[in-house]
PDB file of N, CA and C in Angstrom:
ATOM      1  N   MET A   1      42.412 -23.617  66.163  1.00  0.00           N
ATOM      2  CA  MET A   1      43.186 -23.428  64.962  1.00  0.00           C
ATOM      3  C   MET A   1      42.963 -24.548  63.960  1.00  0.00           C
ATOM      4  N   GLY A   2      42.311 -25.601  64.312  1.00  0.00           N
ATOM      5  CA  GLY A   2      42.108 -26.727  63.406  1.00  0.00           C
ATOM      6  C   GLY A   2      41.268 -26.362  62.201  1.00  0.00           C
ATOM      7  N   ILE A   3      40.210 -25.582  62.398  1.00  0.00           N
ATOM      8  CA  ILE A   3      39.322 -25.236  61.284  1.00  0.00           C
ATOM      9  C   ILE A   3      39.996 -24.258  60.322  1.00  0.00           C
ATOM     10  N   VAL A   4      40.808 -23.334  60.833  1.00  0.00           N
ATOM     11  CA  VAL A   4      41.525 -22.364  59.987  1.00  0.00           C
ATOM     12  C   VAL A   4      42.533 -23.102  59.103  1.00  0.00           C
ATOM     13  N   ARG A   5      43.231 -24.049  59.707  1.00  0.00           N
ATOM     14  CA  ARG A   5      44.204 -24.842  58.944  1.00  0.00           C
ATOM     15  C   ARG A   5      43.496 -25.652  57.848  1.00  0.00           C
ATOM     16  N   LEU A   6      42.368 -26.237  58.160  1.00  0.00           N
ATOM     17  CA  LEU A   6      41.594 -27.022  57.197  1.00  0.00           C
ATOM     18  C   LEU A   6      41.105 -26.150  56.040  1.00  0.00           C
ATOM     19  N   ILE A   7      40.611 -24.963  56.352  1.00  0.00           N
ATOM     20  CA  ILE A   7      40.145 -24.039  55.301  1.00  0.00           C
ATOM     21  C   ILE A   7      41.323 -23.583  54.428  1.00  0.00           C
ATOM     22  N   THR A   8      42.457 -23.322  55.040  1.00  0.00           N
ATOM     23  CA  THR A   8      43.643 -22.901  54.285  1.00  0.00           C
ATOM     24  C   THR A   8      44.102 -24.008  53.344  1.00  0.00           C
ATOM     25  N   ILE A   9      44.162 -25.218  53.823  1.00  0.00           N
ATOM     26  CA  ILE A   9      44.565 -26.348  52.979  1.00  0.00           C
ATOM     27  C   ILE A   9      43.572 -26.541  51.840  1.00  0.00           C
ATOM     28  N   ALA A  10      42.294 -26.436  52.124  1.00  0.00           N
ATOM     29  CA  ALA A  10      41.266 -26.572  51.082  1.00  0.00           C
ATOM     30  C   ALA A  10      41.411 -25.470  50.042  1.00  0.00           C
ATOM     31  N   ALA A  11      41.690 -24.249  50.488  1.00  0.00           N
ATOM     32  CA  ALA A  11      41.857 -23.127  49.557  1.00  0.00           C
ATOM     33  C   ALA A  11      43.087 -23.336  48.670  1.00  0.00           C
ATOM     34  N   VAL A  12      44.173 -23.804  49.246  1.00  0.00           N
ATOM     35  CA  VAL A  12      45.391 -24.058  48.460  1.00  0.00           C
ATOM     36  C   VAL A  12      45.144 -25.161  47.436  1.00  0.00           C
ATOM     37  N   ILE A  13      44.473 -26.223  47.836  1.00  0.00           N
ATOM     38  CA  ILE A  13      44.149 -27.312  46.899  1.00  0.00           C
ATOM     39  C   ILE A  13      43.276 -26.798  45.768  1.00  0.00           C
ATOM     40  N   TRP A  14      42.280 -25.970  46.104  1.00  0.00           N
ATOM     41  CA  TRP A  14      41.394 -25.427  45.070  1.00  0.00           C
ATOM     42  C   TRP A  14      42.160 -24.536  44.090  1.00  0.00           C
ATOM     43  N   VAL A  15      43.065 -23.688  44.592  1.00  0.00           N
ATOM     44  CA  VAL A  15      43.847 -22.796  43.724  1.00  0.00           C
ATOM     45  C   VAL A  15      44.736 -23.616  42.802  1.00  0.00           C
ATOM     46  N   VAL A  16      45.394 -24.632  43.327  1.00  0.00           N
ATOM     47  CA  VAL A  16      46.253 -25.491  42.497  1.00  0.00           C
ATOM     48  C   VAL A  16      45.421 -26.198  41.431  1.00  0.00           C
ATOM     49  N   TRP A  17      44.277 -26.735  41.823  1.00  0.00           N
ATOM     50  CA  TRP A  17      43.394 -27.405  40.864  1.00  0.00           C
ATOM     51  C   TRP A  17      42.933 -26.435  39.779  1.00  0.00           C
ATOM     52  N   PHE A  18      42.517 -25.224  40.169  1.00  0.00           N
ATOM     53  CA  PHE A  18      42.052 -24.215  39.223  1.00  0.00           C
ATOM     54  C   PHE A  18      43.158 -23.840  38.237  1.00  0.00           C
ATOM     55  N   LEU A  19      44.371 -23.632  38.720  1.00  0.00           N
ATOM     56  CA  LEU A  19      45.480 -23.251  37.850  1.00  0.00           C
ATOM     57  C   LEU A  19      45.857 -24.383  36.880  1.00  0.00           C
ATOM     58  N   LEU A  20      45.855 -25.616  37.366  1.00  0.00           N
ATOM     59  CA  LEU A  20      46.153 -26.749  36.489  1.00  0.00           C
ATOM     60  C   LEU A  20      45.103 -26.899  35.395  1.00  0.00           C
ATOM     61  N   LYS A  21      43.843 -26.747  35.758  1.00  0.00           N
ATOM     62  CA  LYS A  21      42.760 -26.851  34.778  1.00  0.00           C
ATOM     63  C   LYS A  21      42.886 -25.755  33.723  1.00  0.00           C
ATOM     64  N   ARG A  22      43.171 -24.548  34.151  1.00  0.00           N
ATOM     65  CA  ARG A  22      43.335 -23.431  33.215  1.00  0.00           C
ATOM     66  C   ARG A  22      44.531 -23.665  32.289  1.00  0.00           C
ATOM     67  N   PHE A  23      45.619 -24.179  32.829  1.00  0.00           N
ATOM     68  CA  PHE A  23      46.809 -24.476  32.032  1.00  0.00           C
ATOM     69  C   PHE A  23      46.496 -25.533  30.973  1.00  0.00           C
ATOM     70  N   GLN A  24      45.759 -26.575  31.336  1.00  0.00           N
ATOM     71  CA  GLN A  24      45.385 -27.615  30.377  1.00  0.00           C
ATOM     72  C   GLN A  24      44.497 -27.066  29.273  1.00  0.00           C
ATOM     73  N   GLU A  25      43.574 -26.178  29.616  1.00  0.00           N
ATOM     74  CA  GLU A  25      42.699 -25.570  28.610  1.00  0.00           C
ATOM     75  C   GLU A  25      43.498 -24.717  27.631  1.00  0.00           C
ATOM     76  N   LYS A  26      44.494 -23.983  28.145  1.00  0.00           N
ATOM     77  CA  LYS A  26      45.336 -23.179  27.257  1.00  0.00           C
ATOM     78  C   LYS A  26      46.136 -24.074  26.313  1.00  0.00           C
ATOM     79  N   LEU A  27      46.659 -25.179  26.824  1.00  0.00           N
ATOM     80  CA  LEU A  27      47.405 -26.111  25.973  1.00  0.00           C
ATOM     81  C   LEU A  27      46.513 -26.692  24.885  1.00  0.00           C
ATOM     82  N   ALA A  28      45.300 -27.082  25.243  1.00  0.00           N
ATOM     83  CA  ALA A  28      44.369 -27.643  24.273  1.00  0.00           C
ATOM     84  C   ALA A  28      44.016 -26.600  23.216  1.00  0.00           C
ATOM     85  N   HIS A  29      43.781 -25.372  23.632  1.00  0.00           N
ATOM     86  CA  HIS A  29      43.461 -24.299  22.692  1.00  0.00           C
ATOM     87  C   HIS A  29      44.635 -24.043  21.752  1.00  0.00           C
ATOM     88  N   ARG A  30      45.840 -24.058  22.296  1.00  0.00           N
ATOM     89  CA  ARG A  30      47.037 -23.826  21.488  1.00  0.00           C
ATOM     90  C   ARG A  30      47.212 -24.940  20.451  1.00  0.00           C
ATOM     91  N   ARG A  31      46.965 -26.188  20.850  1.00  0.00           N
ATOM     92  CA  ARG A  31      47.077 -27.317  19.913  1.00  0.00           C
ATOM     93  C   ARG A  31      46.056 -27.203  18.788  1.00  0.00           C
ATOM     94  N   GLU A  32      44.825 -26.842  19.138  1.00  0.00           N
ATOM     95  CA  GLU A  32      43.793 -26.668  18.112  1.00  0.00           C
ATOM     96  C   GLU A  32      44.176 -25.555  17.147  1.00  0.00           C
ATOM     97  N   HIS A  33      44.705 -24.476  17.674  1.00  0.00           N
ATOM     98  CA  HIS A  33      45.109 -23.358  16.834  1.00  0.00           C
ATOM     99  C   HIS A  33      46.247 -23.772  15.896  1.00  0.00           C
ATOM    100  N   GLN A  34      47.189 -24.554  16.380  1.00  0.00           N
ATOM    101  CA  GLN A  34      48.292 -25.022  15.552  1.00  0.00           C
ATOM    102  C   GLN A  34      47.799 -25.956  14.456  1.00  0.00           C
ATOM    103  N   GLN A  35      46.838 -26.818  14.766  1.00  0.00           N
ATOM    104  CA  GLN A  35      46.304 -27.728  13.762  1.00  0.00           C
ATOM    105  C   GLN A  35      45.577 -26.955  12.672  1.00  0.00           C
ATOM    106  N   VAL A  36      44.816 -25.946  13.051  1.00  0.00           N
ATOM    107  CA  VAL A  36      44.104 -25.132  12.073  1.00  0.00           C
ATOM    108  C   VAL A  36      45.098 -24.385  11.193  1.00  0.00           C
ATOM    109  N   SER A  37      46.144 -23.823  11.793  1.00  0.00           N
ATOM    110  CA  SER A  37      47.120 -23.073  11.005  1.00  0.00           C
ATOM    111  C   SER A  37      47.910 -24.005  10.083  1.00  0.00           C
ATOM    112  N   ARG A  38      48.141 -25.247  10.496  1.00  0.00           N
ATOM    113  CA  ARG A  38      48.819 -26.202   9.609  1.00  0.00           C
ATOM    114  C   ARG A  38      47.963 -26.519   8.399  1.00  0.00           C
ATOM    115  N   LYS A  39      46.661 -26.691   8.628  1.00  0.00           N
ATOM    116  CA  LYS A  39      45.760 -26.989   7.526  1.00  0.00           C
ATOM    117  C   LYS A  39      45.711 -25.825   6.542  1.00  0.00           C
ATOM    118  N   LYS A  40      45.731 -24.608   7.047  1.00  0.00           N
ATOM    119  CA  LYS A  40      45.682 -23.435   6.186  1.00  0.00           C
ATOM    120  C   LYS A  40      46.989 -23.232   5.446  1.00  0.00           C
ATOM    121  N   SER A  41      48.105 -23.638   6.040  1.00  0.00           N
ATOM    122  CA  SER A  41      49.405 -23.397   5.423  1.00  0.00           C
ATOM    123  C   SER A  41      49.815 -24.496   4.444  1.00  0.00           C
ATOM    124  N   ASN A  42      48.982 -25.520   4.247  1.00  0.00           N
ATOM    125  CA  ASN A  42      49.291 -26.591   3.311  1.00  0.00           C
ATOM    126  C   ASN A  42      48.354 -26.532   2.112  1.00  0.00           C
ATOM    127  N   PRO A  43      48.528 -25.523   1.246  1.00  0.00           N
ATOM    128  CA  PRO A  43      47.632 -25.473   0.089  1.00  0.00           C
ATOM    129  C   PRO A  43      47.967 -26.583  -0.890  1.00  0.00           C
ATOM    130  N   VAL A  44      46.979 -27.005  -1.627  1.00  0.00           N
ATOM    131  CA  VAL A  44      47.192 -28.018  -2.645  1.00  0.00           C
ATOM    132  C   VAL A  44      47.864 -27.322  -3.817  1.00  0.00           C
ATOM    133  N   SER A  45      49.041 -27.789  -4.189  1.00  0.00           N
ATOM    134  CA  SER A  45      49.812 -27.070  -5.198  1.00  0.00           C
ATOM    135  C   SER A  45      49.380 -27.411  -6.620  1.00  0.00           C
ATOM    136  N   ASN A  46      49.167 -28.668  -6.921  1.00  0.00           N
ATOM    137  CA  ASN A  46      48.835 -29.058  -8.288  1.00  0.00           C
ATOM    138  C   ASN A  46      47.531 -29.839  -8.310  1.00  0.00           C
ATOM    139  N   ILE A  47      46.591 -29.342  -9.095  1.00  0.00           N
ATOM    140  CA  ILE A  47      45.304 -29.999  -9.261  1.00  0.00           C
ATOM    141  C   ILE A  47      45.244 -30.522 -10.687  1.00  0.00           C
ATOM    142  N   LYS A  48      44.824 -31.752 -10.840  1.00  0.00           N
ATOM    143  CA  LYS A  48      44.693 -32.362 -12.156  1.00  0.00           C
ATOM    144  C   LYS A  48      43.243 -32.714 -12.413  1.00  0.00           C
ATOM    145  N   LYS A  49      42.853 -32.627 -13.658  1.00  0.00           N
ATOM    146  CA  LYS A  49      41.477 -32.913 -14.058  1.00  0.00           C
ATOM    147  C   LYS A  49      41.405 -34.335 -14.601  1.00  0.00           C
ATOM    148  N   CYS A  50      40.414 -35.095 -14.124  1.00  0.00           N
ATOM    149  CA  CYS A  50      40.221 -36.465 -14.599  1.00  0.00           C
ATOM    150  C   CYS A  50      39.842 -36.425 -16.074  1.00  0.00           C
ATOM    151  N   THR A  51      40.490 -37.238 -16.885  1.00  0.00           N
ATOM    152  CA  THR A  51      40.238 -37.283 -18.320  1.00  0.00           C
ATOM    153  C   THR A  51      38.838 -37.789 -18.626  1.00  0.00           C
ATOM    154  N   VAL A  52      38.298 -38.662 -17.788  1.00  0.00           N
ATOM    155  CA  VAL A  52      37.004 -39.287 -18.060  1.00  0.00           C
ATOM    156  C   VAL A  52      35.841 -38.411 -17.587  1.00  0.00           C
ATOM    157  N   CYS A  53      35.860 -38.016 -16.319  1.00  0.00           N
ATOM    158  CA  CYS A  53      34.687 -37.334 -15.759  1.00  0.00           C
ATOM    159  C   CYS A  53      34.898 -35.848 -15.502  1.00  0.00           C
ATOM    160  N   GLY A  54      36.125 -35.384 -15.502  1.00  0.00           N
ATOM    161  CA  GLY A  54      36.391 -33.972 -15.308  1.00  0.00           C
ATOM    162  C   GLY A  54      36.514 -33.528 -13.861  1.00  0.00           C
ATOM    163  N   VAL A  55      36.486 -34.452 -12.928  1.00  0.00           N
ATOM    164  CA  VAL A  55      36.638 -34.108 -11.511  1.00  0.00           C
ATOM    165  C   VAL A  55      38.070 -33.655 -11.268  1.00  0.00           C
ATOM    166  N   HIS A  56      38.227 -32.608 -10.461  1.00  0.00           N
ATOM    167  CA  HIS A  56      39.557 -32.108 -10.133  1.00  0.00           C
ATOM    168  C   HIS A  56      40.086 -32.838  -8.904  1.00  0.00           C
ATOM    169  N   VAL A  57      41.310 -33.359  -9.035  1.00  0.00           N
ATOM    170  CA  VAL A  57      41.917 -34.199  -8.000  1.00  0.00           C
ATOM    171  C   VAL A  57      43.327 -33.680  -7.725  1.00  0.00           C
ATOM    172  N   PRO A  58      43.766 -33.665  -6.450  1.00  0.00           N
ATOM    173  CA  PRO A  58      45.163 -33.310  -6.178  1.00  0.00           C
ATOM    174  C   PRO A  58      46.104 -34.269  -6.908  1.00  0.00           C
ATOM    175  N   GLU A  59      47.179 -33.733  -7.413  1.00  0.00           N
ATOM    176  CA  GLU A  59      48.119 -34.551  -8.186  1.00  0.00           C
ATOM    177  C   GLU A  59      48.638 -35.733  -7.376  1.00  0.00           C
ATOM    178  N   SER A  60      48.785 -35.548  -6.080  1.00  0.00           N
ATOM    179  CA  SER A  60      49.288 -36.637  -5.236  1.00  0.00           C
ATOM    180  C   SER A  60      48.304 -37.800  -5.156  1.00  0.00           C
ATOM    181  N   GLU A  61      47.010 -37.563  -5.419  1.00  0.00           N
ATOM    182  CA  GLU A  61      46.000 -38.614  -5.360  1.00  0.00           C
ATOM    183  C   GLU A  61      45.577 -39.100  -6.745  1.00  0.00           C
ATOM    184  N   ALA A  62      45.932 -38.366  -7.778  1.00  0.00           N
ATOM    185  CA  ALA A  62      45.512 -38.719  -9.129  1.00  0.00           C
ATOM    186  C   ALA A  62      46.346 -39.884  -9.669  1.00  0.00           C
ATOM    187  N   LEU A  63      45.739 -40.653 -10.551  1.00  0.00           N
ATOM    188  CA  LEU A  63      46.446 -41.744 -11.231  1.00  0.00           C
ATOM    189  C   LEU A  63      46.844 -41.232 -12.607  1.00  0.00           C
ATOM    190  N   GLU A  64      48.115 -41.397 -12.954  1.00  0.00           N
ATOM    191  CA  GLU A  64      48.632 -40.866 -14.212  1.00  0.00           C
ATOM    192  C   GLU A  64      48.989 -42.005 -15.155  1.00  0.00           C
ATOM    193  N   HIS A  65      48.653 -41.821 -16.442  1.00  0.00           N
ATOM    194  CA  HIS A  65      49.028 -42.793 -17.468  1.00  0.00           C
ATOM    195  C   HIS A  65      49.165 -42.045 -18.790  1.00  0.00           C
ATOM    196  N   ASN A  66      50.363 -42.087 -19.365  1.00  0.00           N
ATOM    197  CA  ASN A  66      50.658 -41.437 -20.645  1.00  0.00           C
ATOM    198  C   ASN A  66      50.239 -39.967 -20.660  1.00  0.00           C
ATOM    199  N   GLY A  67      50.532 -39.260 -19.593  1.00  0.00           N
ATOM    200  CA  GLY A  67      50.233 -37.835 -19.532  1.00  0.00           C
ATOM    201  C   GLY A  67      48.788 -37.498 -19.228  1.00  0.00           C
ATOM    202  N   GLN A  68      47.960 -38.494 -19.023  1.00  0.00           N
ATOM    203  CA  GLN A  68      46.561 -38.257 -18.668  1.00  0.00           C
ATOM    204  C   GLN A  68      46.373 -38.605 -17.196  1.00  0.00           C
ATOM    205  N   TYR A  69      45.448 -37.896 -16.554  1.00  0.00           N
ATOM    206  CA  TYR A  69      45.204 -38.103 -15.140  1.00  0.00           C
ATOM    207  C   TYR A  69      43.785 -38.603 -14.924  1.00  0.00           C
ATOM    208  N   PHE A  70      43.642 -39.467 -13.912  1.00  0.00           N
ATOM    209  CA  PHE A  70      42.351 -40.087 -13.617  1.00  0.00           C
ATOM    210  C   PHE A  70      42.086 -39.994 -12.119  1.00  0.00           C
ATOM    211  N   CYS A  71      40.791 -39.876 -11.770  1.00  0.00           N
ATOM    212  CA  CYS A  71      40.425 -39.761 -10.357  1.00  0.00           C
ATOM    213  C   CYS A  71      40.321 -41.130  -9.689  1.00  0.00           C
ATOM    214  N   SER A  72      40.159 -42.197 -10.466  1.00  0.00           N
ATOM    215  CA  SER A  72      40.032 -43.529  -9.878  1.00  0.00           C
ATOM    216  C   SER A  72      40.587 -44.571 -10.838  1.00  0.00           C
ATOM    217  N   LEU A  73      40.824 -45.729 -10.294  1.00  0.00           N
ATOM    218  CA  LEU A  73      41.327 -46.838 -11.092  1.00  0.00           C
ATOM    219  C   LEU A  73      40.281 -47.276 -12.111  1.00  0.00           C
ATOM    220  N   ALA A  74      39.007 -47.188 -11.743  1.00  0.00           N
ATOM    221  CA  ALA A  74      37.933 -47.568 -12.666  1.00  0.00           C
ATOM    222  C   ALA A  74      37.938 -46.670 -13.905  1.00  0.00           C
ATOM    223  N   HIS A  75      38.149 -45.372 -13.732  1.00  0.00           N
ATOM    224  CA  HIS A  75      38.192 -44.462 -14.872  1.00  0.00           C
ATOM    225  C   HIS A  75      39.443 -44.699 -15.721  1.00  0.00           C
ATOM    226  N   LYS A  76      40.539 -45.024 -15.075  1.00  0.00           N
ATOM    227  CA  LYS A  76      41.757 -45.331 -15.825  1.00  0.00           C
ATOM    228  C   LYS A  76      41.549 -46.574 -16.682  1.00  0.00           C
ATOM    229  N   LYS A  77      40.958 -47.612 -16.086  1.00  0.00           N
ATOM    230  CA  LYS A  77      40.700 -48.847 -16.838  1.00  0.00           C
ATOM    231  C   LYS A  77      39.690 -48.613 -17.948  1.00  0.00           C
ATOM    232  N   ALA A  78      38.653 -47.820 -17.663  1.00  0.00           N
ATOM    233  CA  ALA A  78      37.633 -47.540 -18.681  1.00  0.00           C
ATOM    234  C   ALA A  78      38.248 -46.817 -19.868  1.00  0.00           C
ATOM    235  N   ASN A  79      39.136 -45.897 -19.616  1.00  0.00           N
ATOM    236  CA  ASN A  79      39.786 -45.167 -20.700  1.00  0.00           C
ATOM    237  C   ASN A  79      40.707 -46.082 -21.504  1.00  0.00           C
ATOM    238  N   LEU A  80      41.440 -46.934 -20.812  1.00  0.00           N
ATOM    239  CA  LEU A  80      42.340 -47.855 -21.513  1.00  0.00           C
ATOM    240  C   LEU A  80      41.542 -48.874 -22.327  1.00  0.00           C
ATOM    241  N   ASP A  81      40.418 -49.367 -21.767  1.00  0.00           N
ATOM    242  CA  ASP A  81      39.586 -50.322 -22.486  1.00  0.00           C
ATOM    243  C   ASP A  81      38.961 -49.690 -23.719  1.00  0.00           C
ATOM    244  N   SER A  82      38.548 -48.443 -23.621  1.00  0.00           N
ATOM    245  CA  SER A  82      37.922 -47.804 -24.770  1.00  0.00           C
ATOM    246  C   SER A  82      38.938 -47.547 -25.880  1.00  0.00           C
ATOM    247  N   ARG A  83      40.196 -47.402 -25.559  1.00  0.00           N
ATOM    248  CA  ARG A  83      41.246 -47.196 -26.568  1.00  0.00           C
ATOM    249  C   ARG A  83      41.612 -48.514 -27.246  1.00  0.00           C
ATOM    250  N   GLN A  84      41.517 -49.618 -26.516  1.00  0.00           N
ATOM    251  CA  GLN A  84      41.970 -50.885 -27.048  1.00  0.00           C
ATOM    252  C   GLN A  84      40.938 -51.584 -27.904  1.00  0.00           C
ATOM    253  N   LYS A  85      39.665 -51.201 -27.775  1.00  0.00           N
ATOM    254  CA  LYS A  85      38.622 -51.866 -28.552  1.00  0.00           C
ATOM    255  C   LYS A  85      38.713 -51.414 -30.006  1.00  0.00           C
ATOM    256  N   PRO A  86      38.716 -52.388 -30.936  1.00  0.00           N
ATOM    257  CA  PRO A  86      38.739 -52.003 -32.356  1.00  0.00           C
ATOM    258  C   PRO A  86      37.391 -51.406 -32.764  1.00  0.00           C
ATOM    259  N   ARG A  87      37.435 -50.447 -33.669  1.00  0.00           N
ATOM    260  CA  ARG A  87      36.188 -49.816 -34.108  1.00  0.00           C
ATOM    261  C   ARG A  87      35.855 -50.216 -35.507  1.00  0.00           C
TER     262      ARG A  87
END
């Protein structure tokens, strides 16, 4: 009876291992699916156009000054410098 008991224990260990592995794969798949659905459900609501170069930037990332929007600090400074220079 020793070999039958050993085979039974090995089979039970294998079944438990197989089920745990499958459960982990389902959890990982579910997490990936949730991350993808979160990305799809967060559309960018307001897009602003850079006054200098015309690049479209999300409002949350754009720099605003006197009602104008800029994609970078360099463009904001360039616009302010060009306004301040006497002609």
